[in-house]
Amino acid sequence: MALDGHYAGAVTFSDQLRPGVPGLMNRLRQLGVKRTVMLTGDRAEHASGVSQQAGLDSFEAGLLPEGKVEAIRALKAQFASVVMVGDGINDAPALATATVGVAMGAHGTGISAEAADIVLLVDDITRVADAVEVGQRMLRIARQSIFVGLGLSFGLMGFAAFGLIPPVIGALAQEAVDVMVILNALRAR
């Protein structure tokens, strides 16, 4: 900036870190997330500072949308599941490529919401950890229901095969197992 033709100073602009991001990174690590990476089209100098403030493991800067897609593919080759969080049109291809794409819907673009699997309707990135936690809980309950249901069903079939229970009792017991598994699955909300 100049004032009356003389140098008066410089103004710099930068993105602000969303509130709660360092806490989010800690919570994700507690939930078992092994690696956090920022993929950005920004310059490396800027990305480095934001990455350090956020507590991320690493970053890749200067990426065009296809570069983000390649980075997601590389991460998918290393890890069983990759979650991508984005809010812009440049994030849409990477959101679609990730195992789970999460769009920040409050201020994001429609195309990123279309490409994502999950759309957060509030502009609160810390809700990503809530989504991960809900997903983990749902998988745990689903696995529990499958194993208990199948185990009890096979057990009942064994008793029925050896004539230890009459067919009517076996059918009623199977219905009871089905109802129990369904009620257990209802806990996954």
Protein backbone atom coordinates (compact mmCIF):
# COMPACT_ATOMS: atom_id res chain seq x y z
CA MET A 1 0.00 0.00 0.00
CA ALA A 2 1.08 3.53 -0.61
CA LEU A 3 0.02 6.68 1.15
CA ASP A 4 0.61 9.98 -0.64
CA GLY A 5 2.90 8.19 -3.06
CA HIS A 6 5.08 6.66 -0.31
CA TYR A 7 5.29 3.06 0.74
CA ALA A 8 3.09 2.57 3.82
CA GLY A 9 2.96 -1.19 4.23
CA ALA A 10 1.68 -4.42 2.79
CA VAL A 11 -1.62 -6.20 3.13
CA THR A 12 -1.68 -9.96 2.96
CA PHE A 13 -4.71 -12.19 2.72
CA SER A 14 -4.96 -15.77 3.85
CA ASP A 15 -7.58 -18.35 4.60
CA GLN A 16 -8.54 -18.71 8.21
CA LEU A 17 -8.43 -22.12 9.82
CA ARG A 18 -11.95 -23.28 10.58
CA PRO A 19 -12.72 -23.26 14.31
CA GLY A 20 -12.15 -26.57 16.04
CA VAL A 21 -9.90 -28.16 13.40
CA PRO A 22 -7.00 -29.07 15.75
CA GLY A 23 -9.50 -30.69 18.13
CA LEU A 24 -11.08 -32.49 15.18
CA MET A 25 -7.72 -33.96 14.19
CA ASN A 26 -7.18 -35.24 17.76
CA ARG A 27 -10.65 -36.77 17.86
CA LEU A 28 -10.15 -38.45 14.47
CA ARG A 29 -6.92 -39.99 15.72
CA GLN A 30 -8.78 -41.29 18.79
CA LEU A 31 -11.35 -42.83 16.44
CA GLY A 32 -8.58 -44.70 14.62
CA VAL A 33 -7.85 -42.44 11.64
CA LYS A 34 -4.28 -43.27 10.70
CA ARG A 35 -3.32 -40.34 8.48
CA THR A 36 -4.65 -36.87 7.75
CA VAL A 37 -3.63 -35.11 4.54
CA MET A 38 -4.62 -31.72 3.14
CA LEU A 39 -5.04 -31.56 -0.63
CA THR A 40 -5.12 -27.99 -1.88
CA GLY A 41 -4.69 -25.87 -4.94
CA ASP A 42 -2.95 -23.22 -2.82
CA ARG A 43 0.78 -22.58 -2.82
CA ALA A 44 2.99 -24.81 -0.68
CA GLU A 45 4.07 -21.96 1.63
CA HIS A 46 0.48 -21.21 2.60
CA ALA A 47 -0.49 -24.90 2.81
CA SER A 48 2.44 -25.62 5.11
CA GLY A 49 1.32 -23.06 7.68
CA VAL A 50 -2.31 -24.18 7.61
CA SER A 51 -1.27 -27.83 7.84
CA GLN A 52 0.86 -27.16 10.91
CA GLN A 53 -1.86 -25.10 12.62
CA ALA A 54 -4.43 -27.82 11.96
CA GLY A 55 -2.22 -30.63 13.21
CA LEU A 56 -2.31 -32.55 9.94
CA ASP A 57 0.17 -35.29 9.11
CA SER A 58 1.00 -33.90 5.66
CA PHE A 59 -0.19 -31.81 2.74
CA GLU A 60 -0.03 -31.68 -1.03
CA ALA A 61 -0.22 -28.22 -2.57
CA GLY A 62 -0.68 -26.71 -6.02
CA LEU A 63 -3.14 -29.41 -7.04
CA LEU A 64 -5.69 -29.14 -9.81
CA PRO A 65 -8.82 -31.31 -9.50
CA GLU A 66 -7.16 -34.22 -11.33
CA GLY A 67 -4.19 -33.96 -8.95
CA LYS A 68 -6.55 -34.36 -6.00
CA VAL A 69 -8.07 -37.43 -7.64
CA GLU A 70 -4.61 -38.96 -8.13
CA ALA A 71 -3.74 -38.23 -4.50
CA ILE A 72 -6.96 -39.94 -3.35
CA ARG A 73 -6.19 -42.96 -5.55
CA ALA A 74 -2.70 -43.18 -4.05
CA LEU A 75 -4.17 -43.06 -0.54
CA LYS A 76 -6.72 -45.74 -1.45
CA ALA A 77 -3.84 -47.97 -2.55
CA GLN A 78 -2.35 -47.60 0.96
CA PHE A 79 -5.47 -47.67 3.13
CA ALA A 80 -8.69 -49.67 3.11
CA SER A 81 -10.88 -46.58 3.44
CA VAL A 82 -10.26 -42.97 2.49
CA VAL A 83 -12.55 -40.14 3.58
CA MET A 84 -12.37 -36.89 1.59
CA VAL A 85 -13.86 -33.68 2.97
CA GLY A 86 -14.39 -30.80 0.58
CA ASP A 87 -16.61 -27.86 -0.21
CA GLY A 88 -15.75 -26.58 -3.66
CA ILE A 89 -16.30 -27.46 -7.28
CA ASN A 90 -12.59 -28.40 -7.51
CA ASP A 91 -13.17 -31.04 -4.80
CA ALA A 92 -16.05 -32.82 -6.55
CA PRO A 93 -13.97 -35.35 -8.55
CA ALA A 94 -11.93 -36.28 -5.46
CA LEU A 95 -15.10 -36.56 -3.34
CA ALA A 96 -16.50 -39.02 -5.89
CA THR A 97 -13.22 -41.00 -5.97
CA ALA A 98 -12.85 -41.37 -2.19
CA THR A 99 -14.32 -44.33 -0.33
CA VAL A 100 -16.53 -41.80 1.47
CA GLY A 101 -16.91 -38.22 0.25
CA VAL A 102 -18.10 -35.60 2.74
CA ALA A 103 -19.28 -32.26 1.36
CA MET A 104 -19.55 -29.18 3.52
CA GLY A 105 -23.00 -28.20 2.31
CA ALA A 106 -23.71 -24.95 4.14
CA HIS A 107 -21.45 -22.84 1.92
CA GLY A 108 -20.25 -25.47 -0.53
CA THR A 109 -21.28 -25.84 -4.13
CA GLY A 110 -24.07 -28.03 -5.40
CA ILE A 111 -21.68 -30.09 -7.50
CA SER A 112 -19.61 -31.08 -4.46
CA ALA A 113 -22.82 -32.07 -2.64
CA GLU A 114 -23.87 -34.15 -5.65
CA ALA A 115 -20.52 -35.94 -5.76
CA ALA A 116 -20.36 -36.66 -2.02
CA ASP A 117 -21.77 -39.57 -0.04
CA ILE A 118 -22.45 -37.39 3.01
CA VAL A 119 -23.45 -33.73 3.04
CA LEU A 120 -23.02 -31.75 6.24
CA LEU A 121 -25.73 -29.11 6.23
CA VAL A 122 -24.09 -27.04 8.94
CA ASP A 123 -20.82 -25.23 8.42
CA ASP A 124 -19.12 -27.10 11.26
CA ILE A 125 -16.23 -29.30 10.12
CA THR A 126 -16.01 -30.93 13.56
CA ARG A 127 -19.18 -32.84 12.59
CA VAL A 128 -16.95 -34.99 10.37
CA ALA A 129 -15.80 -36.82 13.51
CA ASP A 130 -19.45 -37.35 14.46
CA ALA A 131 -20.07 -38.93 11.05
CA VAL A 132 -17.04 -41.22 11.46
CA GLU A 133 -18.18 -42.22 14.94
CA VAL A 134 -21.75 -42.94 13.77
CA GLY A 135 -20.40 -45.01 10.86
CA GLN A 136 -18.15 -47.04 13.15
CA ARG A 137 -21.02 -47.66 15.57
CA MET A 138 -23.33 -48.75 12.75
CA LEU A 139 -20.75 -51.21 11.41
CA ARG A 140 -20.16 -52.61 14.90
CA ILE A 141 -23.90 -53.17 15.45
CA ALA A 142 -24.38 -54.63 11.95
CA ARG A 143 -21.54 -57.11 12.46
CA GLN A 144 -22.88 -58.00 15.90
CA SER A 145 -26.36 -58.62 14.47
CA ILE A 146 -25.01 -60.73 11.60
CA PHE A 147 -22.79 -62.94 13.76
CA VAL A 148 -25.31 -63.41 16.57
CA GLY A 149 -28.17 -64.00 14.13
CA LEU A 150 -26.24 -66.50 12.02
CA GLY A 151 -24.79 -68.22 15.09
CA LEU A 152 -28.18 -68.70 16.72
CA SER A 153 -29.74 -69.80 13.41
CA PHE A 154 -27.06 -72.42 12.80
CA GLY A 155 -27.39 -73.59 16.39
CA LEU A 156 -31.16 -73.96 16.02
CA MET A 157 -30.69 -75.80 12.71
CA GLY A 158 -28.31 -78.20 14.43
CA PHE A 159 -30.82 -78.92 17.19
CA ALA A 160 -33.59 -79.35 14.61
CA ALA A 161 -31.43 -81.61 12.40
CA PHE A 162 -30.90 -84.03 15.29
CA GLY A 163 -34.58 -83.93 16.25
CA LEU A 164 -33.95 -82.20 19.56
CA ILE A 165 -36.66 -79.62 18.89
CA PRO A 166 -39.90 -80.03 16.94
CA PRO A 167 -40.26 -78.09 13.65
CA VAL A 168 -42.90 -75.70 15.03
CA ILE A 169 -40.69 -74.75 17.98
CA GLY A 170 -37.73 -74.38 15.63
CA ALA A 171 -39.71 -72.05 13.36
CA LEU A 172 -40.89 -69.96 16.32
CA ALA A 173 -37.37 -69.83 17.71
CA GLN A 174 -36.07 -68.67 14.30
CA GLU A 175 -38.68 -65.90 14.25
CA ALA A 176 -37.58 -64.87 17.74
CA VAL A 177 -33.96 -64.71 16.55
CA ASP A 178 -35.04 -62.57 13.58
CA VAL A 179 -36.95 -60.15 15.82
CA MET A 180 -34.00 -59.97 18.23
CA VAL A 181 -31.58 -59.16 15.39
CA ILE A 182 -33.92 -56.51 13.98
CA LEU A 183 -34.34 -54.88 17.40
CA ASN A 184 -30.58 -54.89 17.88
CA ALA A 185 -30.09 -53.28 14.46
CA LEU A 186 -32.49 -50.47 15.44
CA ARG A 187 -29.85 -49.28 17.91
CA ALA A 188 -27.77 -48.10 14.92
CA ARG A 189 -29.07 -44.54 14.71
